[in-house]
Structures are given as structure tokens and as C-alpha cells.
Amino acid sequence: MNDGTMTTPTMQSVERVFEVVEVLWREDGAGPAAVAEALDVHRSTAHGYLRSLEAVGYAVNDGGTYELSYRFLDMGTRLQYRNRVFQAAREEISRLSRETEELPTLVVEEAGSAVILHQRPGANALELGTYSGMRTPLHTTASGKTILAHMPAERVDAILDGGLERVTERTVTDPDRLRKRLATVREDGHAVDVDQQVVGMGTVAVPLHPDDDHVASLAIACPSERIRNESYQDELLGALKESRNRVSIKYQYGR
């Protein structure tokens, strides 16, 4: 009788399938031998998983090399467009891109990571190789800090207890120092980071409170030398605050 609870072998199979998906994503396609080596399984086992993914339409076989299918793009795009924060902020991200010519982003939190929900590079934007769906540690970005600063204390503690990865020499990795920084962010109402996630990049970010249960962030990234100019920093901050007000109104009232 099926009581709705997965057995351990079933759980292991599900986990293994997603491990195969991760290998195909990371390697930009792979054959059975490469998947078997990456996961330390027999080639026949790896081939079975690959053929199963192909059978359900989530992988394509190009001459023995399996690649993820565009069904993942379909799912990701639908997920993005169904998000109410994205719907409310999309036009403002485009406006910020045109007016500042920098790189505005909309960031949300999921499972303790910062996730880029939307971005649109402007005419003079840094080329960072970032993309919608990209995940980064919350503590390494200005947008992540604005989100952390408005999270319940117990959630912040749980995230910090998981460790603070050093990404650059300027990344804040001391929990006490980070907590002090978050207190300053709450008091100031915004965050500014320079070279903490990417050397040569500076970011200014403001929190976005679409409802009582969620915190997102609007941010603008630009070269470090530009963000160090206080008048320019203030200009970007003013633009972000205006956009935040418009996004909040659109989220609440749909216009």
C-alpha cells in the first residue's frame, strides 16, 4: 500500500536524477562515460538515467552527448513571469537601465541564497556574466545585505551559522562584523558594497517589501570607481528609491 511516503530507494533515485541534471548543466552536455565518472556509478546506470531524461523530454541526445532540453528554459521563464514581484518591477528595471545606463537587478532570497530574478544591462553596464536565476551568497552583495538586514534574527543566525564564504579579499566573513554591517543597513535604509563579490564592481541596493512575509531588493551595479563618487552614488540611490516606490504601488494596487 502506498501511504504517500517515498521509500529510501525512491528518494535515492530522485536525488540521482537531479545529480545527472546538474552534471549536464555544469558540463554543458555530457555522455554516459562522463556522467558515470562524475557520479561514480556504472556507465550502464548513467546511460539509463540519461535515456530516462530523454524519454520525458528533459534531455536531448546529440550524437551520444546528452544536453538539457529547452523545457528547462520554458519552466524557468514561466516561474519568473508568474512571480508578482517580477511583474511589478519589470518595467522599472527597464527604466533604470535606460536612465542610468548601468546594470539594475531585482534580487530575491531563496533557501539562504540571493537569486537574480531579473536584470537588464544598460548602455555602459559592466559585463559580469550574470543572468536571471543566478545564485550568490547573501553576505557577498549589497542586495543580499539589504535582504538579510530585514530578515527575522533567527533566520539570519541560521544562515550565518552555515558559514560565510570568502569570494574576494573584501568579502565580510566575520559574523559579528556582518551583524554590525546589517544594523547599519537597517538604519541607513540602503547598502553600498565595493569589490565584495566581484573585484572592480560596486553596488548600491535598497530593500523592497512587497508584503509582510517577503523582502526583495532593487540594486544597481557599476564599476567600483564610479560608485566611490559620492554624488554619483547618491544619484543612483535616488533613482532606486523612486523605482522602489513605483514597484510597491504596482505590487499593492496592480497599476
C-alpha atoms as a PDB file:
ATOM      1  CA  MET A   1       0.000   0.000   0.000  1.00  0.00           C
ATOM      2  CA  ASN A   2       1.257   3.473  -0.892  1.00  0.00           C
ATOM      3  CA  ASP A   3       0.934   5.755   2.118  1.00  0.00           C
ATOM      4  CA  GLY A   4       2.369   8.742   0.231  1.00  0.00           C
ATOM      5  CA  THR A   5       5.792   8.377   1.801  1.00  0.00           C
ATOM      6  CA  MET A   6       8.748   7.802  -0.517  1.00  0.00           C
ATOM      7  CA  THR A   7      10.933   4.831   0.273  1.00  0.00           C
ATOM      8  CA  THR A   8      14.655   5.316   0.647  1.00  0.00           C
ATOM      9  CA  PRO A   9      15.483   3.743  -2.762  1.00  0.00           C
ATOM     10  CA  THR A  10      12.960   6.070  -4.419  1.00  0.00           C
ATOM     11  CA  MET A  11      14.475   9.084  -2.707  1.00  0.00           C
ATOM     12  CA  GLN A  12      17.927   7.989  -3.820  1.00  0.00           C
ATOM     13  CA  SER A  13      16.730   7.633  -7.408  1.00  0.00           C
ATOM     14  CA  VAL A  14      15.177  11.098  -7.398  1.00  0.00           C
ATOM     15  CA  GLU A  15      18.339  12.605  -5.950  1.00  0.00           C
ATOM     16  CA  ARG A  16      20.455  10.790  -8.531  1.00  0.00           C
ATOM     17  CA  VAL A  17      18.353  12.097 -11.422  1.00  0.00           C
ATOM     18  CA  PHE A  18      18.890  15.659 -10.259  1.00  0.00           C
ATOM     19  CA  GLU A  19      22.596  14.973  -9.856  1.00  0.00           C
ATOM     20  CA  VAL A  20      22.629  13.923 -13.517  1.00  0.00           C
ATOM     21  CA  VAL A  21      20.816  17.143 -14.440  1.00  0.00           C
ATOM     22  CA  GLU A  22      23.435  19.126 -12.521  1.00  0.00           C
ATOM     23  CA  VAL A  23      26.246  17.374 -14.399  1.00  0.00           C
ATOM     24  CA  LEU A  24      24.656  18.128 -17.775  1.00  0.00           C
ATOM     25  CA  TRP A  25      24.183  21.766 -16.765  1.00  0.00           C
ATOM     26  CA  ARG A  26      27.680  22.162 -15.341  1.00  0.00           C
ATOM     27  CA  GLU A  27      29.437  20.451 -18.251  1.00  0.00           C
ATOM     28  CA  ASP A  28      27.194  21.918 -20.957  1.00  0.00           C
ATOM     29  CA  GLY A  29      26.362  18.398 -22.064  1.00  0.00           C
ATOM     30  CA  ALA A  30      27.978  15.026 -21.401  1.00  0.00           C
ATOM     31  CA  GLY A  31      27.933  11.414 -22.476  1.00  0.00           C
ATOM     32  CA  PRO A  32      27.324   8.315 -20.343  1.00  0.00           C
ATOM     33  CA  ALA A  33      31.026   7.837 -19.561  1.00  0.00           C
ATOM     34  CA  ALA A  34      31.467  11.403 -18.294  1.00  0.00           C
ATOM     35  CA  VAL A  35      28.302  11.226 -16.201  1.00  0.00           C
ATOM     36  CA  ALA A  36      29.350   7.855 -14.767  1.00  0.00           C
ATOM     37  CA  GLU A  37      32.734   9.254 -13.774  1.00  0.00           C
ATOM     38  CA  ALA A  38      31.247  12.405 -12.247  1.00  0.00           C
ATOM     39  CA  LEU A  39      28.763  10.454 -10.133  1.00  0.00           C
ATOM     40  CA  ASP A  40      30.898   7.345  -9.502  1.00  0.00           C
ATOM     41  CA  VAL A  41      28.342   4.944 -10.975  1.00  0.00           C
ATOM     42  CA  HIS A  42      28.483   2.292 -13.687  1.00  0.00           C
ATOM     43  CA  ARG A  43      28.271   3.545 -17.261  1.00  0.00           C
ATOM     44  CA  SER A  44      25.127   1.479 -17.834  1.00  0.00           C
ATOM     45  CA  THR A  45      23.482   3.134 -14.827  1.00  0.00           C
ATOM     46  CA  ALA A  46      24.394   6.602 -16.071  1.00  0.00           C
ATOM     47  CA  HIS A  47      23.135   5.745 -19.536  1.00  0.00           C
ATOM     48  CA  GLY A  48      19.839   4.595 -18.064  1.00  0.00           C
ATOM     49  CA  TYR A  49      19.297   7.893 -16.301  1.00  0.00           C
ATOM     50  CA  LEU A  50      20.199   9.828 -19.448  1.00  0.00           C
ATOM     51  CA  ARG A  51      17.786   7.825 -21.583  1.00  0.00           C
ATOM     52  CA  SER A  52      15.061   8.348 -18.986  1.00  0.00           C
ATOM     53  CA  LEU A  53      15.601  12.122 -19.089  1.00  0.00           C
ATOM     54  CA  GLU A  54      15.460  11.979 -22.875  1.00  0.00           C
ATOM     55  CA  ALA A  55      12.267   9.923 -22.805  1.00  0.00           C
ATOM     56  CA  VAL A  56      10.418  12.504 -20.697  1.00  0.00           C
ATOM     57  CA  GLY A  57      11.717  15.416 -22.756  1.00  0.00           C
ATOM     58  CA  TYR A  58      14.213  16.944 -20.348  1.00  0.00           C
ATOM     59  CA  ALA A  59      17.354  15.942 -22.261  1.00  0.00           C
ATOM     60  CA  VAL A  60      18.272  15.630 -25.924  1.00  0.00           C
ATOM     61  CA  ASN A  61      20.795  13.218 -27.419  1.00  0.00           C
ATOM     62  CA  ASP A  62      23.145  14.817 -29.924  1.00  0.00           C
ATOM     63  CA  GLY A  63      25.325  12.035 -31.257  1.00  0.00           C
ATOM     64  CA  GLY A  64      25.867  10.457 -27.857  1.00  0.00           C
ATOM     65  CA  THR A  65      26.233  13.722 -25.975  1.00  0.00           C
ATOM     66  CA  TYR A  66      23.217  14.481 -23.831  1.00  0.00           C
ATOM     67  CA  GLU A  67      22.206  18.090 -23.243  1.00  0.00           C
ATOM     68  CA  LEU A  68      19.437  19.646 -21.196  1.00  0.00           C
ATOM     69  CA  SER A  69      16.384  20.439 -23.286  1.00  0.00           C
ATOM     70  CA  TYR A  70      14.648  23.788 -23.625  1.00  0.00           C
ATOM     71  CA  ARG A  71      11.923  22.527 -21.323  1.00  0.00           C
ATOM     72  CA  PHE A  72      14.065  23.909 -18.507  1.00  0.00           C
ATOM     73  CA  LEU A  73      14.011  27.319 -20.205  1.00  0.00           C
ATOM     74  CA  ASP A  74      10.234  27.064 -20.509  1.00  0.00           C
ATOM     75  CA  MET A  75       9.880  26.202 -16.826  1.00  0.00           C
ATOM     76  CA  GLY A  76      12.286  28.913 -15.667  1.00  0.00           C
ATOM     77  CA  THR A  77      10.661  31.614 -17.778  1.00  0.00           C
ATOM     78  CA  ARG A  78       7.192  30.659 -16.587  1.00  0.00           C
ATOM     79  CA  LEU A  79       8.401  30.668 -12.983  1.00  0.00           C
ATOM     80  CA  GLN A  80       9.876  34.140 -13.447  1.00  0.00           C
ATOM     81  CA  TYR A  81       6.799  35.606 -15.118  1.00  0.00           C
ATOM     82  CA  ARG A  82       4.445  34.180 -12.502  1.00  0.00           C
ATOM     83  CA  ASN A  83       6.304  35.984  -9.718  1.00  0.00           C
ATOM     84  CA  ARG A  84       4.350  39.038  -8.609  1.00  0.00           C
ATOM     85  CA  VAL A  85       7.466  40.962  -7.630  1.00  0.00           C
ATOM     86  CA  PHE A  86       8.876  40.425 -11.118  1.00  0.00           C
ATOM     87  CA  GLN A  87       5.609  41.577 -12.671  1.00  0.00           C
ATOM     88  CA  ALA A  88       5.637  44.732 -10.570  1.00  0.00           C
ATOM     89  CA  ALA A  89       9.328  45.520 -11.075  1.00  0.00           C
ATOM     90  CA  ARG A  90       9.986  44.576 -14.691  1.00  0.00           C
ATOM     91  CA  GLU A  91       9.168  47.987 -16.188  1.00  0.00           C
ATOM     92  CA  GLU A  92      11.164  49.792 -13.501  1.00  0.00           C
ATOM     93  CA  ILE A  93      14.224  47.644 -14.174  1.00  0.00           C
ATOM     94  CA  SER A  94      13.972  48.622 -17.843  1.00  0.00           C
ATOM     95  CA  ARG A  95      13.583  52.292 -16.942  1.00  0.00           C
ATOM     96  CA  LEU A  96      16.595  52.203 -14.619  1.00  0.00           C
ATOM     97  CA  SER A  97      18.615  50.537 -17.356  1.00  0.00           C
ATOM     98  CA  ARG A  98      17.769  53.285 -19.844  1.00  0.00           C
ATOM     99  CA  GLU A  99      18.235  56.201 -17.469  1.00  0.00           C
ATOM    100  CA  THR A 100      21.370  55.123 -15.582  1.00  0.00           C
ATOM    101  CA  GLU A 101      22.950  53.051 -18.378  1.00  0.00           C
ATOM    102  CA  GLU A 102      24.231  50.743 -15.618  1.00  0.00           C
ATOM    103  CA  LEU A 103      23.143  47.242 -14.543  1.00  0.00           C
ATOM    104  CA  PRO A 104      19.937  47.255 -12.456  1.00  0.00           C
ATOM    105  CA  THR A 105      18.847  43.988 -10.867  1.00  0.00           C
ATOM    106  CA  LEU A 106      15.915  42.593  -8.927  1.00  0.00           C
ATOM    107  CA  VAL A 107      17.063  40.124  -6.284  1.00  0.00           C
ATOM    108  CA  VAL A 108      15.064  37.756  -4.087  1.00  0.00           C
ATOM    109  CA  GLU A 109      16.059  35.242  -1.423  1.00  0.00           C
ATOM    110  CA  GLU A 110      15.597  31.502  -1.653  1.00  0.00           C
ATOM    111  CA  ALA A 111      16.995  28.878   0.718  1.00  0.00           C
ATOM    112  CA  GLY A 112      19.526  31.312   2.136  1.00  0.00           C
ATOM    113  CA  SER A 113      20.896  32.489  -1.215  1.00  0.00           C
ATOM    114  CA  ALA A 114      20.446  35.662  -3.233  1.00  0.00           C
ATOM    115  CA  VAL A 115      18.783  34.914  -6.579  1.00  0.00           C
ATOM    116  CA  ILE A 116      18.745  37.323  -9.510  1.00  0.00           C
ATOM    117  CA  LEU A 117      15.097  37.371 -10.575  1.00  0.00           C
ATOM    118  CA  HIS A 118      15.599  39.945 -13.336  1.00  0.00           C
ATOM    119  CA  GLN A 119      18.254  42.251 -14.730  1.00  0.00           C
ATOM    120  CA  ARG A 120      18.746  44.462 -17.770  1.00  0.00           C
ATOM    121  CA  PRO A 121      22.183  45.813 -18.698  1.00  0.00           C
ATOM    122  CA  GLY A 122      22.323  49.450 -19.746  1.00  0.00           C
ATOM    123  CA  ALA A 123      24.462  51.001 -22.474  1.00  0.00           C
ATOM    124  CA  ASN A 124      27.508  51.432 -20.202  1.00  0.00           C
ATOM    125  CA  ALA A 125      26.945  48.450 -17.918  1.00  0.00           C
ATOM    126  CA  LEU A 126      29.668  46.179 -16.634  1.00  0.00           C
ATOM    127  CA  GLU A 127      29.857  42.838 -18.424  1.00  0.00           C
ATOM    128  CA  LEU A 128      29.720  40.476 -15.466  1.00  0.00           C
ATOM    129  CA  GLY A 129      28.303  37.307 -16.978  1.00  0.00           C
ATOM    130  CA  THR A 130      25.410  37.362 -14.508  1.00  0.00           C
ATOM    131  CA  TYR A 131      21.977  36.094 -15.508  1.00  0.00           C
ATOM    132  CA  SER A 132      18.444  35.624 -14.232  1.00  0.00           C
ATOM    133  CA  GLY A 133      18.378  32.661 -11.869  1.00  0.00           C
ATOM    134  CA  MET A 134      22.000  33.066 -10.796  1.00  0.00           C
ATOM    135  CA  ARG A 135      22.556  32.387  -7.101  1.00  0.00           C
ATOM    136  CA  THR A 136      25.131  34.051  -4.850  1.00  0.00           C
ATOM    137  CA  PRO A 137      25.743  34.066  -1.080  1.00  0.00           C
ATOM    138  CA  LEU A 138      23.618  36.755   0.565  1.00  0.00           C
ATOM    139  CA  HIS A 139      26.503  38.248   2.527  1.00  0.00           C
ATOM    140  CA  THR A 140      28.589  38.977  -0.577  1.00  0.00           C
ATOM    141  CA  THR A 141      26.309  41.562  -2.202  1.00  0.00           C
ATOM    142  CA  ALA A 142      24.677  44.854  -1.283  1.00  0.00           C
ATOM    143  CA  SER A 143      21.310  43.471  -2.354  1.00  0.00           C
ATOM    144  CA  GLY A 144      21.844  40.384  -0.214  1.00  0.00           C
ATOM    145  CA  LYS A 145      22.714  42.524   2.788  1.00  0.00           C
ATOM    146  CA  THR A 146      19.527  44.584   2.408  1.00  0.00           C
ATOM    147  CA  ILE A 147      17.567  41.339   2.459  1.00  0.00           C
ATOM    148  CA  LEU A 148      19.482  39.914   5.421  1.00  0.00           C
ATOM    149  CA  ALA A 149      19.072  43.180   7.328  1.00  0.00           C
ATOM    150  CA  HIS A 150      15.288  42.799   7.278  1.00  0.00           C
ATOM    151  CA  MET A 151      15.054  39.078   7.971  1.00  0.00           C
ATOM    152  CA  PRO A 152      13.997  37.689  11.359  1.00  0.00           C
ATOM    153  CA  ALA A 153      17.007  37.287  13.651  1.00  0.00           C
ATOM    154  CA  GLU A 154      16.652  33.512  13.850  1.00  0.00           C
ATOM    155  CA  ARG A 155      16.842  33.189  10.066  1.00  0.00           C
ATOM    156  CA  VAL A 156      19.907  35.404   9.929  1.00  0.00           C
ATOM    157  CA  ASP A 157      21.545  33.287  12.633  1.00  0.00           C
ATOM    158  CA  ALA A 158      20.810  30.085  10.715  1.00  0.00           C
ATOM    159  CA  ILE A 159      22.318  31.495   7.516  1.00  0.00           C
ATOM    160  CA  LEU A 160      25.405  32.842   9.258  1.00  0.00           C
ATOM    161  CA  ASP A 161      25.884  29.575  11.139  1.00  0.00           C
ATOM    162  CA  GLY A 162      26.213  27.876   7.763  1.00  0.00           C
ATOM    163  CA  GLY A 163      29.465  29.734   7.159  1.00  0.00           C
ATOM    164  CA  LEU A 164      30.429  32.897   5.290  1.00  0.00           C
ATOM    165  CA  GLU A 165      32.311  32.150   2.101  1.00  0.00           C
ATOM    166  CA  ARG A 166      35.114  34.487   1.083  1.00  0.00           C
ATOM    167  CA  VAL A 167      34.688  35.465  -2.566  1.00  0.00           C
ATOM    168  CA  THR A 168      37.150  38.366  -2.718  1.00  0.00           C
ATOM    169  CA  GLU A 169      39.625  39.880  -0.274  1.00  0.00           C
ATOM    170  CA  ARG A 170      36.957  42.404   0.745  1.00  0.00           C
ATOM    171  CA  THR A 171      34.159  39.928   1.422  1.00  0.00           C
ATOM    172  CA  VAL A 172      32.896  40.205   5.004  1.00  0.00           C
ATOM    173  CA  THR A 173      33.329  36.762   6.574  1.00  0.00           C
ATOM    174  CA  ASP A 174      33.276  37.587  10.289  1.00  0.00           C
ATOM    175  CA  PRO A 175      29.733  37.063  11.687  1.00  0.00           C
ATOM    176  CA  ASP A 176      29.983  39.824  14.298  1.00  0.00           C
ATOM    177  CA  ARG A 177      31.262  42.321  11.771  1.00  0.00           C
ATOM    178  CA  LEU A 178      28.497  41.343   9.361  1.00  0.00           C
ATOM    179  CA  ARG A 179      25.817  41.785  12.029  1.00  0.00           C
ATOM    180  CA  LYS A 180      27.103  45.299  12.703  1.00  0.00           C
ATOM    181  CA  ARG A 181      27.001  45.988   8.980  1.00  0.00           C
ATOM    182  CA  LEU A 182      23.415  44.754   8.782  1.00  0.00           C
ATOM    183  CA  ALA A 183      22.426  47.067  11.637  1.00  0.00           C
ATOM    184  CA  THR A 184      23.885  49.981   9.676  1.00  0.00           C
ATOM    185  CA  VAL A 185      21.979  48.909   6.574  1.00  0.00           C
ATOM    186  CA  ARG A 186      18.713  48.875   8.542  1.00  0.00           C
ATOM    187  CA  GLU A 187      19.446  52.326   9.933  1.00  0.00           C
ATOM    188  CA  ASP A 188      20.520  53.831   6.600  1.00  0.00           C
ATOM    189  CA  GLY A 189      17.819  52.144   4.549  1.00  0.00           C
ATOM    190  CA  HIS A 190      20.272  51.021   1.871  1.00  0.00           C
ATOM    191  CA  ALA A 191      23.557  49.188   1.326  1.00  0.00           C
ATOM    192  CA  VAL A 192      26.675  50.004  -0.666  1.00  0.00           C
ATOM    193  CA  ASP A 193      29.373  47.436  -1.435  1.00  0.00           C
ATOM    194  CA  VAL A 194      32.641  47.763  -3.323  1.00  0.00           C
ATOM    195  CA  ASP A 195      34.678  44.765  -4.546  1.00  0.00           C
ATOM    196  CA  GLN A 196      32.961  42.323  -2.163  1.00  0.00           C
ATOM    197  CA  GLN A 197      31.556  39.963  -4.765  1.00  0.00           C
ATOM    198  CA  VAL A 198      33.496  40.925  -7.881  1.00  0.00           C
ATOM    199  CA  VAL A 199      36.707  42.944  -7.866  1.00  0.00           C
ATOM    200  CA  GLY A 200      36.038  46.113  -9.828  1.00  0.00           C
ATOM    201  CA  MET A 201      32.292  46.130  -9.147  1.00  0.00           C
ATOM    202  CA  GLY A 202      30.389  48.394  -6.795  1.00  0.00           C
ATOM    203  CA  THR A 203      26.709  48.086  -5.944  1.00  0.00           C
ATOM    204  CA  VAL A 204      24.075  50.206  -4.250  1.00  0.00           C
ATOM    205  CA  ALA A 205      20.855  48.498  -3.149  1.00  0.00           C
ATOM    206  CA  VAL A 206      17.588  49.246  -1.374  1.00  0.00           C
ATOM    207  CA  PRO A 207      15.175  46.814   0.270  1.00  0.00           C
ATOM    208  CA  LEU A 208      11.827  46.142  -1.326  1.00  0.00           C
ATOM    209  CA  HIS A 209       8.977  44.987   0.907  1.00  0.00           C
ATOM    210  CA  PRO A 210       6.256  43.607  -1.382  1.00  0.00           C
ATOM    211  CA  ASP A 211       4.340  42.229   1.605  1.00  0.00           C
ATOM    212  CA  ASP A 212       4.800  41.404   5.270  1.00  0.00           C
ATOM    213  CA  ASP A 213       6.328  37.993   4.601  1.00  0.00           C
ATOM    214  CA  HIS A 214       8.924  38.739   1.936  1.00  0.00           C
ATOM    215  CA  VAL A 215      11.877  41.044   1.342  1.00  0.00           C
ATOM    216  CA  ALA A 216      13.438  41.601  -2.062  1.00  0.00           C
ATOM    217  CA  SER A 217      15.998  44.123  -3.257  1.00  0.00           C
ATOM    218  CA  LEU A 218      16.492  46.574  -6.093  1.00  0.00           C
ATOM    219  CA  ALA A 219      20.138  47.212  -6.901  1.00  0.00           C
ATOM    220  CA  ILE A 220      22.379  48.912  -9.431  1.00  0.00           C
ATOM    221  CA  ALA A 221      25.870  47.614 -10.163  1.00  0.00           C
ATOM    222  CA  CYS A 222      28.583  49.679 -11.810  1.00  0.00           C
ATOM    223  CA  PRO A 223      32.391  49.955 -11.890  1.00  0.00           C
ATOM    224  CA  SER A 224      33.955  50.490  -8.466  1.00  0.00           C
ATOM    225  CA  GLU A 225      35.479  53.839  -9.390  1.00  0.00           C
ATOM    226  CA  ARG A 226      32.045  55.220 -10.278  1.00  0.00           C
ATOM    227  CA  ILE A 227      30.352  54.015  -7.088  1.00  0.00           C
ATOM    228  CA  ARG A 228      33.104  55.625  -4.995  1.00  0.00           C
ATOM    229  CA  ASN A 229      31.958  59.021  -6.302  1.00  0.00           C
ATOM    230  CA  GLU A 230      29.520  60.050  -3.551  1.00  0.00           C
ATOM    231  CA  SER A 231      27.455  62.350  -5.755  1.00  0.00           C
ATOM    232  CA  TYR A 232      27.017  59.573  -8.319  1.00  0.00           C
ATOM    233  CA  GLN A 233      26.235  57.105  -5.555  1.00  0.00           C
ATOM    234  CA  ASP A 234      23.529  59.464  -4.285  1.00  0.00           C
ATOM    235  CA  GLU A 235      22.170  59.798  -7.817  1.00  0.00           C
ATOM    236  CA  LEU A 236      21.822  56.038  -8.177  1.00  0.00           C
ATOM    237  CA  LEU A 237      20.310  55.738  -4.717  1.00  0.00           C
ATOM    238  CA  GLY A 238      17.707  58.376  -5.545  1.00  0.00           C
ATOM    239  CA  ALA A 239      16.774  56.544  -8.735  1.00  0.00           C
ATOM    240  CA  LEU A 240      16.431  53.264  -6.821  1.00  0.00           C
ATOM    241  CA  LYS A 241      14.176  54.808  -4.193  1.00  0.00           C
ATOM    242  CA  GLU A 242      11.897  56.284  -6.842  1.00  0.00           C
ATOM    243  CA  SER A 243      11.671  52.914  -8.562  1.00  0.00           C
ATOM    244  CA  ARG A 244      11.002  51.153  -5.274  1.00  0.00           C
ATOM    245  CA  ASN A 245       8.044  53.441  -4.613  1.00  0.00           C
ATOM    246  CA  ARG A 246       6.591  52.713  -8.044  1.00  0.00           C
ATOM    247  CA  VAL A 247       7.140  48.971  -7.676  1.00  0.00           C
ATOM    248  CA  SER A 248       5.482  48.947  -4.248  1.00  0.00           C
ATOM    249  CA  ILE A 249       2.426  50.775  -5.584  1.00  0.00           C
ATOM    250  CA  LYS A 250       2.160  48.476  -8.585  1.00  0.00           C
ATOM    251  CA  TYR A 251       2.547  45.396  -6.397  1.00  0.00           C
ATOM    252  CA  GLN A 252      -0.151  46.518  -3.997  1.00  0.00           C
ATOM    253  CA  TYR A 253      -2.621  48.011  -6.446  1.00  0.00           C
ATOM    254  CA  GLY A 254      -1.709  46.485  -9.787  1.00  0.00           C
ATOM    255  CA  ARG A 255      -1.047  49.756 -11.603  1.00  0.00           C
END
